[in-house]
C-alpha atoms as a PDB file:
ATOM      1  CA  UNK A   1      29.701  -9.727 -25.648  1.00  0.00           C
ATOM      2  CA  UNK A   2      28.813  -6.095 -24.994  1.00  0.00           C
ATOM      3  CA  UNK A   3      25.887  -5.542 -22.663  1.00  0.00           C
ATOM      4  CA  UNK A   4      23.618  -2.817 -24.085  1.00  0.00           C
ATOM      5  CA  UNK A   5      23.334   0.261 -21.912  1.00  0.00           C
ATOM      6  CA  UNK A   6      20.040   0.863 -20.162  1.00  0.00           C
ATOM      7  CA  UNK A   7      17.905   3.505 -21.848  1.00  0.00           C
ATOM      8  CA  UNK A   8      18.141   6.984 -20.369  1.00  0.00           C
ATOM      9  CA  UNK A   9      15.371   8.108 -18.018  1.00  0.00           C
ATOM     10  CA  UNK A  10      12.412   9.596 -19.881  1.00  0.00           C
ATOM     11  CA  UNK A  11      12.353  13.388 -19.868  1.00  0.00           C
ATOM     12  CA  UNK A  12       9.333  14.777 -18.098  1.00  0.00           C
ATOM     13  CA  UNK A  13       7.676  17.953 -19.417  1.00  0.00           C
ATOM     14  CA  UNK A  14       8.401  20.918 -17.190  1.00  0.00           C
ATOM     15  CA  UNK A  15       7.647  24.592 -16.640  1.00  0.00           C
ATOM     16  CA  UNK A  16       9.427  27.223 -14.585  1.00  0.00           C
ATOM     17  CA  UNK A  17       7.559  29.316 -12.013  1.00  0.00           C
ATOM     18  CA  UNK A  18       9.365  31.992  -9.988  1.00  0.00           C
ATOM     19  CA  UNK A  19      12.629  30.300 -10.849  1.00  0.00           C
ATOM     20  CA  UNK A  20      11.434  26.873  -9.694  1.00  0.00           C
ATOM     21  CA  UNK A  21      11.380  23.926 -12.100  1.00  0.00           C
ATOM     22  CA  UNK A  22       8.066  22.067 -11.939  1.00  0.00           C
ATOM     23  CA  UNK A  23       7.119  18.910 -13.804  1.00  0.00           C
ATOM     24  CA  UNK A  24       3.852  19.295 -15.707  1.00  0.00           C
ATOM     25  CA  UNK A  25       2.562  15.793 -15.001  1.00  0.00           C
ATOM     26  CA  UNK A  26      -0.465  14.278 -13.322  1.00  0.00           C
ATOM     27  CA  UNK A  27      -0.569  11.734 -10.515  1.00  0.00           C
ATOM     28  CA  UNK A  28      -0.769   8.714 -12.846  1.00  0.00           C
ATOM     29  CA  UNK A  29       2.261   9.923 -14.800  1.00  0.00           C
ATOM     30  CA  UNK A  30       4.226  10.435 -11.596  1.00  0.00           C
ATOM     31  CA  UNK A  31       3.469   6.914 -10.421  1.00  0.00           C
ATOM     32  CA  UNK A  32       4.257   5.425 -13.832  1.00  0.00           C
ATOM     33  CA  UNK A  33       7.581   7.265 -13.878  1.00  0.00           C
ATOM     34  CA  UNK A  34       8.596   6.001 -10.429  1.00  0.00           C
ATOM     35  CA  UNK A  35       7.661   2.398 -11.212  1.00  0.00           C
ATOM     36  CA  UNK A  36       9.282   2.584 -14.649  1.00  0.00           C
ATOM     37  CA  UNK A  37      12.522   3.858 -13.155  1.00  0.00           C
ATOM     38  CA  UNK A  38      12.454   1.137 -10.497  1.00  0.00           C
ATOM     39  CA  UNK A  39      12.086  -1.433 -13.271  1.00  0.00           C
ATOM     40  CA  UNK A  40      15.113   0.106 -14.984  1.00  0.00           C
ATOM     41  CA  UNK A  41      17.125  -0.193 -11.772  1.00  0.00           C
ATOM     42  CA  UNK A  42      17.227   3.530 -11.097  1.00  0.00           C
ATOM     43  CA  UNK A  43      16.254   5.301  -7.907  1.00  0.00           C
ATOM     44  CA  UNK A  44      15.353   8.928  -7.365  1.00  0.00           C
ATOM     45  CA  UNK A  45      13.699  11.596  -5.282  1.00  0.00           C
ATOM     46  CA  UNK A  46      10.240  13.134  -5.587  1.00  0.00           C
ATOM     47  CA  UNK A  47       9.636  16.555  -4.029  1.00  0.00           C
ATOM     48  CA  UNK A  48       6.203  18.161  -3.895  1.00  0.00           C
ATOM     49  CA  UNK A  49       6.246  21.917  -4.480  1.00  0.00           C
ATOM     50  CA  UNK A  50       3.534  23.659  -2.495  1.00  0.00           C
ATOM     51  CA  UNK A  51       3.259  27.420  -1.992  1.00  0.00           C
ATOM     52  CA  UNK A  52       5.442  27.401   1.124  1.00  0.00           C
ATOM     53  CA  UNK A  53       8.170  25.489  -0.714  1.00  0.00           C
ATOM     54  CA  UNK A  54       8.102  27.914  -3.644  1.00  0.00           C
ATOM     55  CA  UNK A  55       8.364  30.800  -1.192  1.00  0.00           C
ATOM     56  CA  UNK A  56      11.387  29.328   0.557  1.00  0.00           C
ATOM     57  CA  UNK A  57      12.998  28.474  -2.771  1.00  0.00           C
ATOM     58  CA  UNK A  58      13.264  32.170  -3.574  1.00  0.00           C
ATOM     59  CA  UNK A  59      16.351  32.299  -1.339  1.00  0.00           C
ATOM     60  CA  UNK A  60      19.617  30.429  -2.033  1.00  0.00           C
ATOM     61  CA  UNK A  61      20.575  27.674   0.354  1.00  0.00           C
ATOM     62  CA  UNK A  62      20.523  23.914   0.943  1.00  0.00           C
ATOM     63  CA  UNK A  63      16.763  23.633   0.383  1.00  0.00           C
ATOM     64  CA  UNK A  64      17.144  25.042  -3.114  1.00  0.00           C
ATOM     65  CA  UNK A  65      20.021  22.607  -3.717  1.00  0.00           C
ATOM     66  CA  UNK A  66      17.775  19.687  -2.742  1.00  0.00           C
ATOM     67  CA  UNK A  67      15.149  20.824  -5.229  1.00  0.00           C
ATOM     68  CA  UNK A  68      17.712  21.295  -7.981  1.00  0.00           C
ATOM     69  CA  UNK A  69      18.887  17.702  -7.492  1.00  0.00           C
ATOM     70  CA  UNK A  70      15.374  16.159  -7.310  1.00  0.00           C
ATOM     71  CA  UNK A  71      14.332  13.820 -10.106  1.00  0.00           C
ATOM     72  CA  UNK A  72      10.629  14.707  -9.990  1.00  0.00           C
ATOM     73  CA  UNK A  73       9.150  18.005  -8.803  1.00  0.00           C
ATOM     74  CA  UNK A  74       5.372  17.810  -8.625  1.00  0.00           C
ATOM     75  CA  UNK A  75       2.929  20.699  -8.256  1.00  0.00           C
ATOM     76  CA  UNK A  76       1.408  20.319  -4.788  1.00  0.00           C
ATOM     77  CA  UNK A  77      -1.005  23.140  -4.039  1.00  0.00           C
ATOM     78  CA  UNK A  78      -3.746  24.867  -5.969  1.00  0.00           C
ATOM     79  CA  UNK A  79      -2.118  28.315  -5.656  1.00  0.00           C
ATOM     80  CA  UNK A  80       0.879  26.935  -7.536  1.00  0.00           C
ATOM     81  CA  UNK A  81      -1.440  25.443 -10.177  1.00  0.00           C
ATOM     82  CA  UNK A  82      -3.197  28.814 -10.547  1.00  0.00           C
ATOM     83  CA  UNK A  83       0.084  30.714 -10.793  1.00  0.00           C
ATOM     84  CA  UNK A  84       1.222  28.410 -13.594  1.00  0.00           C
ATOM     85  CA  UNK A  85      -2.027  29.099 -15.447  1.00  0.00           C
ATOM     86  CA  UNK A  86      -1.685  32.854 -14.925  1.00  0.00           C
ATOM     87  CA  UNK A  87       1.737  32.913 -16.540  1.00  0.00           C
ATOM     88  CA  UNK A  88       0.503  30.886 -19.510  1.00  0.00           C
ATOM     89  CA  UNK A  89       2.204  27.606 -18.646  1.00  0.00           C
ATOM     90  CA  UNK A  90      -0.679  25.453 -17.369  1.00  0.00           C
ATOM     91  CA  UNK A  91       0.082  22.148 -15.684  1.00  0.00           C
ATOM     92  CA  UNK A  92      -2.130  19.078 -15.554  1.00  0.00           C
ATOM     93  CA  UNK A  93      -3.215  19.703 -11.994  1.00  0.00           C
ATOM     94  CA  UNK A  94      -2.142  19.077  -8.464  1.00  0.00           C
ATOM     95  CA  UNK A  95       0.013  16.085  -7.501  1.00  0.00           C
ATOM     96  CA  UNK A  96       0.021  16.155  -3.711  1.00  0.00           C
ATOM     97  CA  UNK A  97       2.244  14.084  -1.481  1.00  0.00           C
ATOM     98  CA  UNK A  98      -0.836  13.264   0.597  1.00  0.00           C
ATOM     99  CA  UNK A  99      -2.515  11.748  -2.471  1.00  0.00           C
ATOM    100  CA  UNK A 100       0.612   9.836  -3.493  1.00  0.00           C
ATOM    101  CA  UNK A 101       0.723   8.411   0.033  1.00  0.00           C
ATOM    102  CA  UNK A 102      -2.316   6.330  -0.904  1.00  0.00           C
ATOM    103  CA  UNK A 103      -2.008   5.800  -4.648  1.00  0.00           C
ATOM    104  CA  UNK A 104       1.693   4.988  -4.870  1.00  0.00           C
ATOM    105  CA  UNK A 105       1.623   2.141  -2.287  1.00  0.00           C
ATOM    106  CA  UNK A 106      -1.364   0.630  -4.121  1.00  0.00           C
ATOM    107  CA  UNK A 107       0.531   0.779  -7.410  1.00  0.00           C
ATOM    108  CA  UNK A 108       3.667  -0.553  -5.709  1.00  0.00           C
ATOM    109  CA  UNK A 109       1.701  -3.521  -4.368  1.00  0.00           C
ATOM    110  CA  UNK A 110       0.414  -4.334  -7.851  1.00  0.00           C
ATOM    111  CA  UNK A 111       3.985  -4.154  -9.191  1.00  0.00           C
ATOM    112  CA  UNK A 112       5.440  -6.314  -6.424  1.00  0.00           C
ATOM    113  CA  UNK A 113       7.382  -3.433  -4.911  1.00  0.00           C
ATOM    114  CA  UNK A 114       8.062  -2.773  -1.226  1.00  0.00           C
ATOM    115  CA  UNK A 115       7.763   0.356   0.891  1.00  0.00           C
ATOM    116  CA  UNK A 116       9.298   1.736   4.082  1.00  0.00           C
ATOM    117  CA  UNK A 117       7.563   4.277   6.326  1.00  0.00           C
ATOM    118  CA  UNK A 118       9.933   6.669   8.098  1.00  0.00           C
ATOM    119  CA  UNK A 119       8.779   9.356  10.534  1.00  0.00           C
ATOM    120  CA  UNK A 120       5.355  10.592  11.528  1.00  0.00           C
ATOM    121  CA  UNK A 121       3.863  10.968  14.991  1.00  0.00           C
ATOM    122  CA  UNK A 122       4.264   8.003  17.375  1.00  0.00           C
ATOM    123  CA  UNK A 123       1.995   5.200  16.208  1.00  0.00           C
ATOM    124  CA  UNK A 124       0.964   6.950  13.002  1.00  0.00           C
ATOM    125  CA  UNK A 125       3.228   4.929  10.717  1.00  0.00           C
ATOM    126  CA  UNK A 126       2.011   1.637  12.154  1.00  0.00           C
ATOM    127  CA  UNK A 127      -1.635   2.655  11.807  1.00  0.00           C
ATOM    128  CA  UNK A 128      -1.035   3.958   8.288  1.00  0.00           C
ATOM    129  CA  UNK A 129       0.720   0.746   7.299  1.00  0.00           C
ATOM    130  CA  UNK A 130      -2.209  -1.317   8.600  1.00  0.00           C
ATOM    131  CA  UNK A 131      -4.696   0.696   6.538  1.00  0.00           C
ATOM    132  CA  UNK A 132      -2.545   0.626   3.419  1.00  0.00           C
ATOM    133  CA  UNK A 133      -2.156  -3.148   3.695  1.00  0.00           C
ATOM    134  CA  UNK A 134      -5.883  -3.563   4.258  1.00  0.00           C
ATOM    135  CA  UNK A 135      -6.526  -1.629   1.054  1.00  0.00           C
ATOM    136  CA  UNK A 136      -3.779  -3.489  -0.861  1.00  0.00           C
ATOM    137  CA  UNK A 137      -3.167  -6.912   0.730  1.00  0.00           C
ATOM    138  CA  UNK A 138      -0.207  -7.590  -1.573  1.00  0.00           C
ATOM    139  CA  UNK A 139       1.672  -4.542  -0.277  1.00  0.00           C
ATOM    140  CA  UNK A 140       5.012  -5.350   1.362  1.00  0.00           C
ATOM    141  CA  UNK A 141       5.864  -2.923   4.167  1.00  0.00           C
ATOM    142  CA  UNK A 142       9.460  -3.860   4.957  1.00  0.00           C
ATOM    143  CA  UNK A 143      10.089  -1.260   7.632  1.00  0.00           C
ATOM    144  CA  UNK A 144       8.390   1.191   9.979  1.00  0.00           C
ATOM    145  CA  UNK A 145      10.437   3.758  11.842  1.00  0.00           C
ATOM    146  CA  UNK A 146       9.499   6.649  14.123  1.00  0.00           C
ATOM    147  CA  UNK A 147      12.891   8.085  15.095  1.00  0.00           C
ATOM    148  CA  UNK A 148      13.231  10.350  18.149  1.00  0.00           C
ATOM    149  CA  UNK A 149      13.525  14.107  17.880  1.00  0.00           C
ATOM    150  CA  UNK A 150      17.025  15.165  16.858  1.00  0.00           C
ATOM    151  CA  UNK A 151      18.001  11.813  15.374  1.00  0.00           C
ATOM    152  CA  UNK A 152      19.208  13.503  12.195  1.00  0.00           C
ATOM    153  CA  UNK A 153      21.835  15.392  14.229  1.00  0.00           C
ATOM    154  CA  UNK A 154      23.012  12.214  15.973  1.00  0.00           C
ATOM    155  CA  UNK A 155      25.727  10.464  13.957  1.00  0.00           C
ATOM    156  CA  UNK A 156      25.270   7.125  15.735  1.00  0.00           C
ATOM    157  CA  UNK A 157      21.495   7.202  15.218  1.00  0.00           C
ATOM    158  CA  UNK A 158      21.935   7.934  11.525  1.00  0.00           C
ATOM    159  CA  UNK A 159      24.407   5.072  11.129  1.00  0.00           C
ATOM    160  CA  UNK A 160      21.964   2.695  12.838  1.00  0.00           C
ATOM    161  CA  UNK A 161      19.127   3.914  10.611  1.00  0.00           C
ATOM    162  CA  UNK A 162      21.240   3.416   7.486  1.00  0.00           C
ATOM    163  CA  UNK A 163      21.961  -0.132   8.621  1.00  0.00           C
ATOM    164  CA  UNK A 164      18.269  -0.913   9.069  1.00  0.00           C
ATOM    165  CA  UNK A 165      17.369   0.625   5.724  1.00  0.00           C
ATOM    166  CA  UNK A 166      20.109  -1.320   3.943  1.00  0.00           C
ATOM    167  CA  UNK A 167      18.889  -4.560   5.524  1.00  0.00           C
ATOM    168  CA  UNK A 168      15.241  -3.885   4.611  1.00  0.00           C
ATOM    169  CA  UNK A 169      16.061  -2.844   1.006  1.00  0.00           C
ATOM    170  CA  UNK A 170      12.760  -1.077   0.279  1.00  0.00           C
ATOM    171  CA  UNK A 171      11.899   0.106  -3.210  1.00  0.00           C
ATOM    172  CA  UNK A 172      10.113   3.252  -2.003  1.00  0.00           C
ATOM    173  CA  UNK A 173      10.759   5.208   1.198  1.00  0.00           C
ATOM    174  CA  UNK A 174       8.049   7.572   2.441  1.00  0.00           C
ATOM    175  CA  UNK A 175       9.571  10.180   4.743  1.00  0.00           C
ATOM    176  CA  UNK A 176       7.096  11.996   7.008  1.00  0.00           C
ATOM    177  CA  UNK A 177       9.193  14.475   8.983  1.00  0.00           C
ATOM    178  CA  UNK A 178       7.906  17.833   7.825  1.00  0.00           C
ATOM    179  CA  UNK A 179       9.701  20.169   5.473  1.00  0.00           C
ATOM    180  CA  UNK A 180      12.587  20.868   5.092  1.00  0.00           C
ATOM    181  CA  UNK A 181      13.719  18.153   7.492  1.00  0.00           C
ATOM    182  CA  UNK A 182      12.293  15.320   5.397  1.00  0.00           C
ATOM    183  CA  UNK A 183      14.015  16.595   2.249  1.00  0.00           C
ATOM    184  CA  UNK A 184      17.365  16.899   4.038  1.00  0.00           C
ATOM    185  CA  UNK A 185      17.065  13.454   5.648  1.00  0.00           C
ATOM    186  CA  UNK A 186      16.208  11.917   2.255  1.00  0.00           C
ATOM    187  CA  UNK A 187      19.269  13.634   0.781  1.00  0.00           C
ATOM    188  CA  UNK A 188      21.503  12.323   3.569  1.00  0.00           C
ATOM    189  CA  UNK A 189      20.173   8.747   3.422  1.00  0.00           C
ATOM    190  CA  UNK A 190      19.785   8.328  -0.326  1.00  0.00           C
ATOM    191  CA  UNK A 191      23.287   6.945  -0.886  1.00  0.00           C
ATOM    192  CA  UNK A 192      22.377   4.011   1.375  1.00  0.00           C
ATOM    193  CA  UNK A 193      19.693   2.914  -1.132  1.00  0.00           C
ATOM    194  CA  UNK A 194      20.586   4.507  -4.477  1.00  0.00           C
ATOM    195  CA  UNK A 195      18.122   2.278  -6.358  1.00  0.00           C
ATOM    196  CA  UNK A 196      15.182   3.278  -4.142  1.00  0.00           C
ATOM    197  CA  UNK A 197      12.755   6.181  -4.551  1.00  0.00           C
ATOM    198  CA  UNK A 198      12.355   8.732  -1.773  1.00  0.00           C
ATOM    199  CA  UNK A 199       9.285  10.889  -1.185  1.00  0.00           C
ATOM    200  CA  UNK A 200       8.607  13.431   1.575  1.00  0.00           C
ATOM    201  CA  UNK A 201       4.963  13.321   2.652  1.00  0.00           C
ATOM    202  CA  UNK A 202       4.678  15.631   5.677  1.00  0.00           C
ATOM    203  CA  UNK A 203       1.717  14.784   7.884  1.00  0.00           C
ATOM    204  CA  UNK A 204       0.363  12.148   5.486  1.00  0.00           C
ATOM    205  CA  UNK A 205       0.848   9.156   7.800  1.00  0.00           C
ATOM    206  CA  UNK A 206      -1.631  10.781  10.195  1.00  0.00           C
ATOM    207  CA  UNK A 207      -4.033  11.426   7.303  1.00  0.00           C
ATOM    208  CA  UNK A 208      -3.953   7.765   6.248  1.00  0.00           C
ATOM    209  CA  UNK A 209      -4.187   6.570   9.849  1.00  0.00           C
ATOM    210  CA  UNK A 210      -7.229   8.769  10.432  1.00  0.00           C
ATOM    211  CA  UNK A 211      -5.605  10.643  13.317  1.00  0.00           C
ATOM    212  CA  UNK A 212      -5.872  13.948  11.429  1.00  0.00           C
ATOM    213  CA  UNK A 213      -8.752  14.683   9.091  1.00  0.00           C
ATOM    214  CA  UNK A 214      -7.849  15.965   5.651  1.00  0.00           C
ATOM    215  CA  UNK A 215      -9.947  18.674   4.003  1.00  0.00           C
ATOM    216  CA  UNK A 216     -12.893  17.451   1.879  1.00  0.00           C
ATOM    217  CA  UNK A 217     -12.238  17.173  -1.859  1.00  0.00           C
ATOM    218  CA  UNK A 218     -14.444  20.155  -2.674  1.00  0.00           C
ATOM    219  CA  UNK A 219     -12.420  22.336  -0.288  1.00  0.00           C
ATOM    220  CA  UNK A 220      -9.178  21.065  -1.807  1.00  0.00           C
ATOM    221  CA  UNK A 221     -10.488  21.950  -5.261  1.00  0.00           C
ATOM    222  CA  UNK A 222     -11.191  25.508  -4.122  1.00  0.00           C
ATOM    223  CA  UNK A 223      -7.595  25.830  -2.968  1.00  0.00           C
ATOM    224  CA  UNK A 224      -8.680  26.112   0.674  1.00  0.00           C
ATOM    225  CA  UNK A 225      -7.068  23.008   2.156  1.00  0.00           C
ATOM    226  CA  UNK A 226      -4.695  25.369   3.956  1.00  0.00           C
ATOM    227  CA  UNK A 227      -7.660  26.929   5.774  1.00  0.00           C
ATOM    228  CA  UNK A 228      -8.832  23.513   6.955  1.00  0.00           C
ATOM    229  CA  UNK A 229      -5.328  22.774   8.273  1.00  0.00           C
ATOM    230  CA  UNK A 230      -5.104  26.222   9.887  1.00  0.00           C
ATOM    231  CA  UNK A 231      -8.321  25.621  11.817  1.00  0.00           C
ATOM    232  CA  UNK A 232      -6.908  22.317  13.073  1.00  0.00           C
ATOM    233  CA  UNK A 233      -3.511  23.706  14.160  1.00  0.00           C
ATOM    234  CA  UNK A 234      -3.784  27.501  14.376  1.00  0.00           C
ATOM    235  CA  UNK A 235      -0.846  28.084  16.704  1.00  0.00           C
ATOM    236  CA  UNK A 236       1.580  26.122  14.567  1.00  0.00           C
ATOM    237  CA  UNK A 237       0.379  27.196  11.132  1.00  0.00           C
ATOM    238  CA  UNK A 238      -0.879  30.784  11.495  1.00  0.00           C
ATOM    239  CA  UNK A 239       2.462  32.401  10.751  1.00  0.00           C
ATOM    240  CA  UNK A 240       3.172  30.146   7.763  1.00  0.00           C
ATOM    241  CA  UNK A 241      -0.206  30.602   6.128  1.00  0.00           C
ATOM    242  CA  UNK A 242      -1.294  34.104   7.114  1.00  0.00           C
ATOM    243  CA  UNK A 243       1.891  36.090   7.686  1.00  0.00           C
ATOM    244  CA  UNK A 244       4.101  34.491   5.044  1.00  0.00           C
ATOM    245  CA  UNK A 245       1.806  32.558   2.707  1.00  0.00           C
ATOM    246  CA  UNK A 246      -0.962  34.979   1.709  1.00  0.00           C
ATOM    247  CA  UNK A 247       1.307  37.952   0.849  1.00  0.00           C
ATOM    248  CA  UNK A 248       3.630  35.671  -1.094  1.00  0.00           C
ATOM    249  CA  UNK A 249       0.698  34.160  -3.011  1.00  0.00           C
ATOM    250  CA  UNK A 250      -0.463  37.630  -4.045  1.00  0.00           C
ATOM    251  CA  UNK A 251       3.039  38.556  -5.203  1.00  0.00           C
ATOM    252  CA  UNK A 252       3.435  35.251  -7.018  1.00  0.00           C
ATOM    253  CA  UNK A 253       0.187  35.732  -8.937  1.00  0.00           C
ATOM    254  CA  UNK A 254       1.208  39.263  -9.920  1.00  0.00           C
ATOM    255  CA  UNK A 255       4.635  38.127 -11.117  1.00  0.00           C
ATOM    256  CA  UNK A 256       3.131  35.195 -13.009  1.00  0.00           C
ATOM    257  CA  UNK A 257       0.696  37.478 -14.807  1.00  0.00           C
ATOM    258  CA  UNK A 258       3.483  39.934 -15.598  1.00  0.00           C
ATOM    259  CA  UNK A 259       5.625  37.112 -16.994  1.00  0.00           C
ATOM    260  CA  UNK A 260       2.761  36.189 -19.296  1.00  0.00           C
ATOM    261  CA  UNK A 261       2.238  39.761 -20.451  1.00  0.00           C
ATOM    262  CA  UNK A 262       5.936  40.243 -21.175  1.00  0.00           C
ATOM    263  CA  UNK A 263       6.426  36.773 -22.689  1.00  0.00           C
ATOM    264  CA  UNK A 264       8.987  35.715 -20.091  1.00  0.00           C
ATOM    265  CA  UNK A 265       7.864  32.122 -19.600  1.00  0.00           C
ATOM    266  CA  UNK A 266       9.749  28.868 -19.873  1.00  0.00           C
ATOM    267  CA  UNK A 267       8.580  25.396 -20.768  1.00  0.00           C
ATOM    268  CA  UNK A 268      10.572  22.274 -21.610  1.00  0.00           C
END
């Protein structure tokens, strides 16, 4: 008897901005896709394209390769949403990793799926897990890991981590190591759990834990969450946001508008 092949993964609508493929989906669609693929026995990687990511993706290299191989590329950042609108390829809105850090575990709990929290500041993952479980008592957190600095360059540490991940067998792994480290670590570990979904979430464990305050919703809607973060960590973020980010945003908007005027836009 021939076993019928599993249906192919659904194709997500996409647009291209500054050479970067972006999926034109909302948060609910992203969650539904991840859970649907888990049900089909397929794993994958979600990357969240904010302005800084789009800027770095303008140069060839391993970070661009990670993005090219990702299964879902969400639009994380209002400047990216605005640039898509300017070039005439509007998306449904922002799908931030920080938002998915709350909504995806809740949906996973309802679907009987498990999660693993990897990274974050010391104690942040534990505190985040406690809050997530309080909000969704059915949530199964099968692993919490805060590896030491440099673990990803230590072959023995990576082997030990792969062993723990394989034993825990999570359905979804949240990786909070900052970019691009979290994307590279997800790439390097994915083969250990090919049926799991991997998502880099930056500082989101600290947001959920309450250790770092996220910008109010109205400030997020104005596209000024970066300013809120800058005021919290000026020494670390000033160069990224002010020196690199603002000039790139201006250039991105100009190029997006030019692409619209000349008809050089791509949707799929």
